[in-house]
Structures are given as C-alpha cells and as structure tokens.
PDB file of N, CA and C in Angstrom:
ATOM      1  N   MET A   1      -0.802 -13.525  17.625  1.00  0.00           N
ATOM      2  CA  MET A   1      -1.765 -12.785  18.430  1.00  0.00           C
ATOM      3  C   MET A   1      -1.378 -11.314  18.460  1.00  0.00           C
ATOM      4  N   MET A   2      -2.376 -10.452  18.310  1.00  0.00           N
ATOM      5  CA  MET A   2      -2.134  -9.014  18.324  1.00  0.00           C
ATOM      6  C   MET A   2      -1.993  -8.526  19.762  1.00  0.00           C
ATOM      7  N   PRO A   3      -1.082  -7.570  19.998  1.00  0.00           N
ATOM      8  CA  PRO A   3      -1.036  -6.958  21.331  1.00  0.00           C
ATOM      9  C   PRO A   3      -2.375  -6.293  21.628  1.00  0.00           C
ATOM     10  N   ASP A   4      -2.693  -6.119  22.903  1.00  0.00           N
ATOM     11  CA  ASP A   4      -3.972  -5.544  23.310  1.00  0.00           C
ATOM     12  C   ASP A   4      -4.226  -4.178  22.686  1.00  0.00           C
ATOM     13  N   THR A   5      -3.180  -3.390  22.452  1.00  0.00           N
ATOM     14  CA  THR A   5      -3.351  -2.043  21.916  1.00  0.00           C
ATOM     15  C   THR A   5      -3.516  -2.033  20.395  1.00  0.00           C
ATOM     16  N   GLU A   6      -3.269  -3.155  19.755  1.00  0.00           N
ATOM     17  CA  GLU A   6      -3.299  -3.221  18.286  1.00  0.00           C
ATOM     18  C   GLU A   6      -4.606  -3.866  17.832  1.00  0.00           C
ATOM     19  N   THR A   7      -5.657  -3.057  17.749  1.00  0.00           N
ATOM     20  CA  THR A   7      -6.953  -3.557  17.305  1.00  0.00           C
ATOM     21  C   THR A   7      -6.932  -3.746  15.790  1.00  0.00           C
ATOM     22  N   PRO A   8      -7.857  -4.521  15.252  1.00  0.00           N
ATOM     23  CA  PRO A   8      -7.905  -4.679  13.792  1.00  0.00           C
ATOM     24  C   PRO A   8      -8.037  -3.335  13.065  1.00  0.00           C
ATOM     25  N   LEU A   9      -8.817  -2.410  13.616  1.00  0.00           N
ATOM     26  CA  LEU A   9      -8.991  -1.103  12.982  1.00  0.00           C
ATOM     27  C   LEU A   9      -7.681  -0.309  12.988  1.00  0.00           C
ATOM     28  N   ARG A  10      -6.991  -0.311  14.108  1.00  0.00           N
ATOM     29  CA  ARG A  10      -5.690   0.391  14.187  1.00  0.00           C
ATOM     30  C   ARG A  10      -4.685  -0.245  13.236  1.00  0.00           C
ATOM     31  N   LEU A  11      -4.684  -1.556  13.171  1.00  0.00           N
ATOM     32  CA  LEU A  11      -3.763  -2.261  12.284  1.00  0.00           C
ATOM     33  C   LEU A  11      -4.077  -1.942  10.829  1.00  0.00           C
ATOM     34  N   ALA A  12      -5.353  -1.893  10.472  1.00  0.00           N
ATOM     35  CA  ALA A  12      -5.747  -1.559   9.093  1.00  0.00           C
ATOM     36  C   ALA A  12      -5.313  -0.138   8.741  1.00  0.00           C
ATOM     37  N   ARG A  13      -5.485   0.792   9.670  1.00  0.00           N
ATOM     38  CA  ARG A  13      -5.036   2.171   9.433  1.00  0.00           C
ATOM     39  C   ARG A  13      -3.529   2.224   9.231  1.00  0.00           C
ATOM     40  N   HIS A  14      -2.826   1.452  10.006  1.00  0.00           N
ATOM     41  CA  HIS A  14      -1.359   1.366   9.886  1.00  0.00           C
ATOM     42  C   HIS A  14      -0.970   0.820   8.510  1.00  0.00           C
ATOM     43  N   HIS A  15      -1.651  -0.229   8.073  1.00  0.00           N
ATOM     44  CA  HIS A  15      -1.363  -0.828   6.765  1.00  0.00           C
ATOM     45  C   HIS A  15      -1.611   0.165   5.633  1.00  0.00           C
ATOM     46  N   VAL A  16      -2.702   0.916   5.722  1.00  0.00           N
ATOM     47  CA  VAL A  16      -3.011   1.903   4.679  1.00  0.00           C
ATOM     48  C   VAL A  16      -1.960   3.012   4.670  1.00  0.00           C
ATOM     49  N   ALA A  17      -1.594   3.500   5.832  1.00  0.00           N
ATOM     50  CA  ALA A  17      -0.593   4.575   5.899  1.00  0.00           C
ATOM     51  C   ALA A  17       0.748   4.105   5.341  1.00  0.00           C
ATOM     52  N   ASN A  18       1.193   2.949   5.776  1.00  0.00           N
ATOM     53  CA  ASN A  18       2.478   2.427   5.283  1.00  0.00           C
ATOM     54  C   ASN A  18       2.404   2.082   3.801  1.00  0.00           C
ATOM     55  N   GLY A  19       1.310   1.475   3.389  1.00  0.00           N
ATOM     56  CA  GLY A  19       1.148   1.126   1.979  1.00  0.00           C
ATOM     57  C   GLY A  19       1.158   2.352   1.088  1.00  0.00           C
ATOM     58  N   SER A  20       0.486   3.397   1.522  1.00  0.00           N
ATOM     59  CA  SER A  20       0.465   4.648   0.746  1.00  0.00           C
ATOM     60  C   SER A  20       1.860   5.229   0.609  1.00  0.00           C
ATOM     61  N   ARG A  21       2.594   5.219   1.704  1.00  0.00           N
ATOM     62  CA  ARG A  21       3.968   5.733   1.678  1.00  0.00           C
ATOM     63  C   ARG A  21       4.835   4.921   0.727  1.00  0.00           C
ATOM     64  N   LEU A  22       4.721   3.612   0.784  1.00  0.00           N
ATOM     65  CA  LEU A  22       5.535   2.758  -0.075  1.00  0.00           C
ATOM     66  C   LEU A  22       5.172   2.918  -1.555  1.00  0.00           C
ATOM     67  N   VAL A  23       3.889   3.060  -1.857  1.00  0.00           N
ATOM     68  CA  VAL A  23       3.463   3.287  -3.241  1.00  0.00           C
ATOM     69  C   VAL A  23       4.035   4.609  -3.748  1.00  0.00           C
ATOM     70  N   ASP A  24       3.948   5.640  -2.920  1.00  0.00           N
ATOM     71  CA  ASP A  24       4.505   6.942  -3.318  1.00  0.00           C
ATOM     72  C   ASP A  24       6.006   6.852  -3.574  1.00  0.00           C
ATOM     73  N   GLU A  25       6.724   6.161  -2.696  1.00  0.00           N
ATOM     74  CA  GLU A  25       8.174   6.007  -2.871  1.00  0.00           C
ATOM     75  C   GLU A  25       8.497   5.248  -4.155  1.00  0.00           C
ATOM     76  N   GLN A  26       7.752   4.200  -4.432  1.00  0.00           N
ATOM     77  CA  GLN A  26       8.005   3.424  -5.645  1.00  0.00           C
ATOM     78  C   GLN A  26       7.688   4.249  -6.888  1.00  0.00           C
ATOM     79  N   ALA A  27       6.627   5.054  -6.831  1.00  0.00           N
ATOM     80  CA  ALA A  27       6.277   5.911  -7.966  1.00  0.00           C
ATOM     81  C   ALA A  27       7.401   6.901  -8.259  1.00  0.00           C
ATOM     82  N   VAL A  28       8.020   7.431  -7.219  1.00  0.00           N
ATOM     83  CA  VAL A  28       9.155   8.346  -7.400  1.00  0.00           C
ATOM     84  C   VAL A  28      10.323   7.601  -8.043  1.00  0.00           C
ATOM     85  N   ARG A  29      10.578   6.395  -7.583  1.00  0.00           N
ATOM     86  CA  ARG A  29      11.677   5.597  -8.166  1.00  0.00           C
ATOM     87  C   ARG A  29      11.432   5.361  -9.653  1.00  0.00           C
ATOM     88  N   VAL A  30      10.206   4.979  -9.993  1.00  0.00           N
ATOM     89  CA  VAL A  30       9.875   4.709 -11.393  1.00  0.00           C
ATOM     90  C   VAL A  30      10.043   5.977 -12.226  1.00  0.00           C
ATOM     91  N   ALA A  31       9.600   7.093 -11.701  1.00  0.00           N
ATOM     92  CA  ALA A  31       9.698   8.363 -12.434  1.00  0.00           C
ATOM     93  C   ALA A  31      11.141   8.754 -12.706  1.00  0.00           C
ATOM     94  N   ARG A  32      12.043   8.343 -11.839  1.00  0.00           N
ATOM     95  CA  ARG A  32      13.460   8.688 -11.994  1.00  0.00           C
ATOM     96  C   ARG A  32      14.212   7.729 -12.919  1.00  0.00           C
ATOM     97  N   MET A  33      13.588   6.625 -13.254  1.00  0.00           N
ATOM     98  CA  MET A  33      14.268   5.606 -14.060  1.00  0.00           C
ATOM     99  C   MET A  33      14.312   6.001 -15.531  1.00  0.00           C
ATOM    100  N   ASP A  34      15.298   5.483 -16.194  1.00  0.00           N
ATOM    101  CA  ASP A  34      15.385   5.629 -17.652  1.00  0.00           C
ATOM    102  C   ASP A  34      14.224   4.843 -18.254  1.00  0.00           C
ATOM    103  N   PRO A  35      13.339   5.501 -19.003  1.00  0.00           N
ATOM    104  CA  PRO A  35      12.172   4.792 -19.539  1.00  0.00           C
ATOM    105  C   PRO A  35      12.527   3.650 -20.480  1.00  0.00           C
ATOM    106  N   HIS A  36      13.751   3.627 -20.955  1.00  0.00           N
ATOM    107  CA  HIS A  36      14.184   2.561 -21.855  1.00  0.00           C
ATOM    108  C   HIS A  36      15.128   1.580 -21.172  1.00  0.00           C
ATOM    109  N   GLY A  37      15.289   1.737 -19.859  1.00  0.00           N
ATOM    110  CA  GLY A  37      16.203   0.870 -19.117  1.00  0.00           C
ATOM    111  C   GLY A  37      15.666  -0.537 -18.942  1.00  0.00           C
ATOM    112  N   ASP A  38      16.574  -1.434 -18.607  1.00  0.00           N
ATOM    113  CA  ASP A  38      16.228  -2.847 -18.461  1.00  0.00           C
ATOM    114  C   ASP A  38      15.252  -3.114 -17.308  1.00  0.00           C
ATOM    115  N   GLN A  39      15.334  -2.341 -16.250  1.00  0.00           N
ATOM    116  CA  GLN A  39      14.567  -2.641 -15.053  1.00  0.00           C
ATOM    117  C   GLN A  39      13.245  -1.886 -14.940  1.00  0.00           C
ATOM    118  N   VAL A  40      12.997  -0.934 -15.813  1.00  0.00           N
ATOM    119  CA  VAL A  40      11.798  -0.103 -15.662  1.00  0.00           C
ATOM    120  C   VAL A  40      10.515  -0.923 -15.766  1.00  0.00           C
ATOM    121  N   GLY A  41      10.481  -1.894 -16.609  1.00  0.00           N
ATOM    122  CA  GLY A  41       9.290  -2.732 -16.749  1.00  0.00           C
ATOM    123  C   GLY A  41       8.963  -3.457 -15.460  1.00  0.00           C
ATOM    124  N   LEU A  42       9.973  -4.028 -14.840  1.00  0.00           N
ATOM    125  CA  LEU A  42       9.768  -4.723 -13.566  1.00  0.00           C
ATOM    126  C   LEU A  42       9.340  -3.749 -12.474  1.00  0.00           C
ATOM    127  N   ALA A  43       9.920  -2.564 -12.473  1.00  0.00           N
ATOM    128  CA  ALA A  43       9.566  -1.555 -11.474  1.00  0.00           C
ATOM    129  C   ALA A  43       8.115  -1.125 -11.622  1.00  0.00           C
ATOM    130  N   ILE A  44       7.644  -1.013 -12.851  1.00  0.00           N
ATOM    131  CA  ILE A  44       6.250  -0.630 -13.099  1.00  0.00           C
ATOM    132  C   ILE A  44       5.309  -1.753 -12.670  1.00  0.00           C
ATOM    133  N   VAL A  45       5.668  -2.979 -12.966  1.00  0.00           N
ATOM    134  CA  VAL A  45       4.851  -4.123 -12.545  1.00  0.00           C
ATOM    135  C   VAL A  45       4.770  -4.159 -11.019  1.00  0.00           C
ATOM    136  N   LEU A  46       5.891  -3.939 -10.356  1.00  0.00           N
ATOM    137  CA  LEU A  46       5.900  -3.910  -8.901  1.00  0.00           C
ATOM    138  C   LEU A  46       4.998  -2.794  -8.382  1.00  0.00           C
ATOM    139  N   LEU A  47       5.090  -1.616  -8.978  1.00  0.00           N
ATOM    140  CA  LEU A  47       4.254  -0.492  -8.572  1.00  0.00           C
ATOM    141  C   LEU A  47       2.769  -0.835  -8.732  1.00  0.00           C
ATOM    142  N   GLU A  48       2.391  -1.448  -9.824  1.00  0.00           N
ATOM    143  CA  GLU A  48       0.994  -1.817 -10.033  1.00  0.00           C
ATOM    144  C   GLU A  48       0.536  -2.845  -9.002  1.00  0.00           C
ATOM    145  N   THR A  49       1.391  -3.798  -8.683  1.00  0.00           N
ATOM    146  CA  THR A  49       1.064  -4.792  -7.657  1.00  0.00           C
ATOM    147  C   THR A  49       0.889  -4.115  -6.302  1.00  0.00           C
ATOM    148  N   MET A  50       1.759  -3.176  -6.006  1.00  0.00           N
ATOM    149  CA  MET A  50       1.665  -2.439  -4.746  1.00  0.00           C
ATOM    150  C   MET A  50       0.358  -1.641  -4.686  1.00  0.00           C
ATOM    151  N   LYS A  51      -0.040  -1.036  -5.793  1.00  0.00           N
ATOM    152  CA  LYS A  51      -1.292  -0.276  -5.837  1.00  0.00           C
ATOM    153  C   LYS A  51      -2.492  -1.197  -5.617  1.00  0.00           C
ATOM    154  N   GLN A  52      -2.456  -2.375  -6.203  1.00  0.00           N
ATOM    155  CA  GLN A  52      -3.545  -3.335  -6.020  1.00  0.00           C
ATOM    156  C   GLN A  52      -3.628  -3.789  -4.562  1.00  0.00           C
ATOM    157  N   THR A  53      -2.485  -4.032  -3.964  1.00  0.00           N
ATOM    158  CA  THR A  53      -2.448  -4.429  -2.564  1.00  0.00           C
ATOM    159  C   THR A  53      -2.974  -3.307  -1.682  1.00  0.00           C
ATOM    160  N   LEU A  54      -2.571  -2.080  -1.969  1.00  0.00           N
ATOM    161  CA  LEU A  54      -3.068  -0.931  -1.212  1.00  0.00           C
ATOM    162  C   LEU A  54      -4.583  -0.824  -1.331  1.00  0.00           C
ATOM    163  N   ALA A  55      -5.123  -1.082  -2.500  1.00  0.00           N
ATOM    164  CA  ALA A  55      -6.578  -1.033  -2.685  1.00  0.00           C
ATOM    165  C   ALA A  55      -7.275  -2.047  -1.773  1.00  0.00           C
ATOM    166  N   VAL A  56      -6.679  -3.216  -1.594  1.00  0.00           N
ATOM    167  CA  VAL A  56      -7.229  -4.219  -0.678  1.00  0.00           C
ATOM    168  C   VAL A  56      -7.184  -3.690   0.751  1.00  0.00           C
ATOM    169  N   PHE A  57      -6.059  -3.074   1.123  1.00  0.00           N
ATOM    170  CA  PHE A  57      -5.931  -2.500   2.466  1.00  0.00           C
ATOM    171  C   PHE A  57      -6.984  -1.414   2.702  1.00  0.00           C
ATOM    172  N   VAL A  58      -7.190  -0.549   1.703  1.00  0.00           N
ATOM    173  CA  VAL A  58      -8.163   0.542   1.826  1.00  0.00           C
ATOM    174  C   VAL A  58      -9.576  -0.026   1.964  1.00  0.00           C
ATOM    175  N   ALA A  59      -9.900  -1.036   1.190  1.00  0.00           N
ATOM    176  CA  ALA A  59     -11.221  -1.663   1.280  1.00  0.00           C
ATOM    177  C   ALA A  59     -11.423  -2.315   2.645  1.00  0.00           C
ATOM    178  N   ASP A  60     -10.385  -2.957   3.154  1.00  0.00           N
ATOM    179  CA  ASP A  60     -10.465  -3.581   4.474  1.00  0.00           C
ATOM    180  C   ASP A  60     -10.671  -2.520   5.545  1.00  0.00           C
ATOM    181  N   LEU A  61      -9.944  -1.417   5.444  1.00  0.00           N
ATOM    182  CA  LEU A  61     -10.108  -0.325   6.396  1.00  0.00           C
ATOM    183  C   LEU A  61     -11.531   0.224   6.343  1.00  0.00           C
ATOM    184  N   ALA A  62     -12.056   0.441   5.155  1.00  0.00           N
ATOM    185  CA  ALA A  62     -13.423   0.955   5.013  1.00  0.00           C
ATOM    186  C   ALA A  62     -14.429  -0.002   5.649  1.00  0.00           C
ATOM    187  N   ARG A  63     -14.224  -1.282   5.442  1.00  0.00           N
ATOM    188  CA  ARG A  63     -15.125  -2.283   6.028  1.00  0.00           C
ATOM    189  C   ARG A  63     -15.065  -2.229   7.552  1.00  0.00           C
ATOM    190  N   LEU A  64     -13.870  -2.150   8.101  1.00  0.00           N
ATOM    191  CA  LEU A  64     -13.715  -2.097   9.555  1.00  0.00           C
ATOM    192  C   LEU A  64     -14.273  -0.801  10.140  1.00  0.00           C
ATOM    193  N   GLU A  65     -14.075   0.311   9.435  1.00  0.00           N
ATOM    194  CA  GLU A  65     -14.615   1.577   9.918  1.00  0.00           C
ATOM    195  C   GLU A  65     -16.139   1.566   9.901  1.00  0.00           C
ATOM    196  N   ALA A  66     -16.735   0.996   8.856  1.00  0.00           N
ATOM    197  CA  ALA A  66     -18.189   0.908   8.786  1.00  0.00           C
ATOM    198  C   ALA A  66     -18.737   0.020   9.892  1.00  0.00           C
ATOM    199  N   LYS A  67     -18.012  -1.029  10.174  1.00  0.00           N
ATOM    200  CA  LYS A  67     -18.427  -1.973  11.216  1.00  0.00           C
ATOM    201  C   LYS A  67     -18.351  -1.340  12.602  1.00  0.00           C
ATOM    202  N   SER A  68     -17.395  -0.447  12.797  1.00  0.00           N
ATOM    203  CA  SER A  68     -17.185   0.151  14.123  1.00  0.00           C
ATOM    204  C   SER A  68     -18.090   1.354  14.379  1.00  0.00           C
ATOM    205  N   SER A  69     -18.749   1.851  13.343  1.00  0.00           N
ATOM    206  CA  SER A  69     -19.595   3.036  13.566  1.00  0.00           C
ATOM    207  C   SER A  69     -21.048   2.686  13.788  1.00  0.00           C
TER     208      SER A  69
END
C-alpha cells in the first residue's frame, strides 16, 4: 500500500527521475570502458534494458498526467 502522500502520479515522476539518473550514470560507465573489454557487451545490454524500462516509465507518467488534467 502506498503512503497517503505517494500518489500514482508522484510515484511515476519519481520513477522517471530516478530512471533517467541511472541511465545517465550507466551511459557514463559504458563510455569509460575499454571498447574491447570483456564486460563492455554486458554493460551495453544493461544500458539498453535500462533505456527500455525508462521508456515504459515515461509512457506511464504521460498516461497519468493526461488522466489528471
């Protein structure tokens, strides 16, 4: 159960803000990696998954904002 102050719209905004920050941080990590290193492929796959998840969060936020206006 969500606390009274945590509405679905506020929670969606929180998810988008945090998701954006995490995607940016992962992009920086990938950029710093050796492009021929063993882990870069996994890091890129993770970054793409994070971007896809963020897109879901953004779509959910847009839906909630449209519903509230």
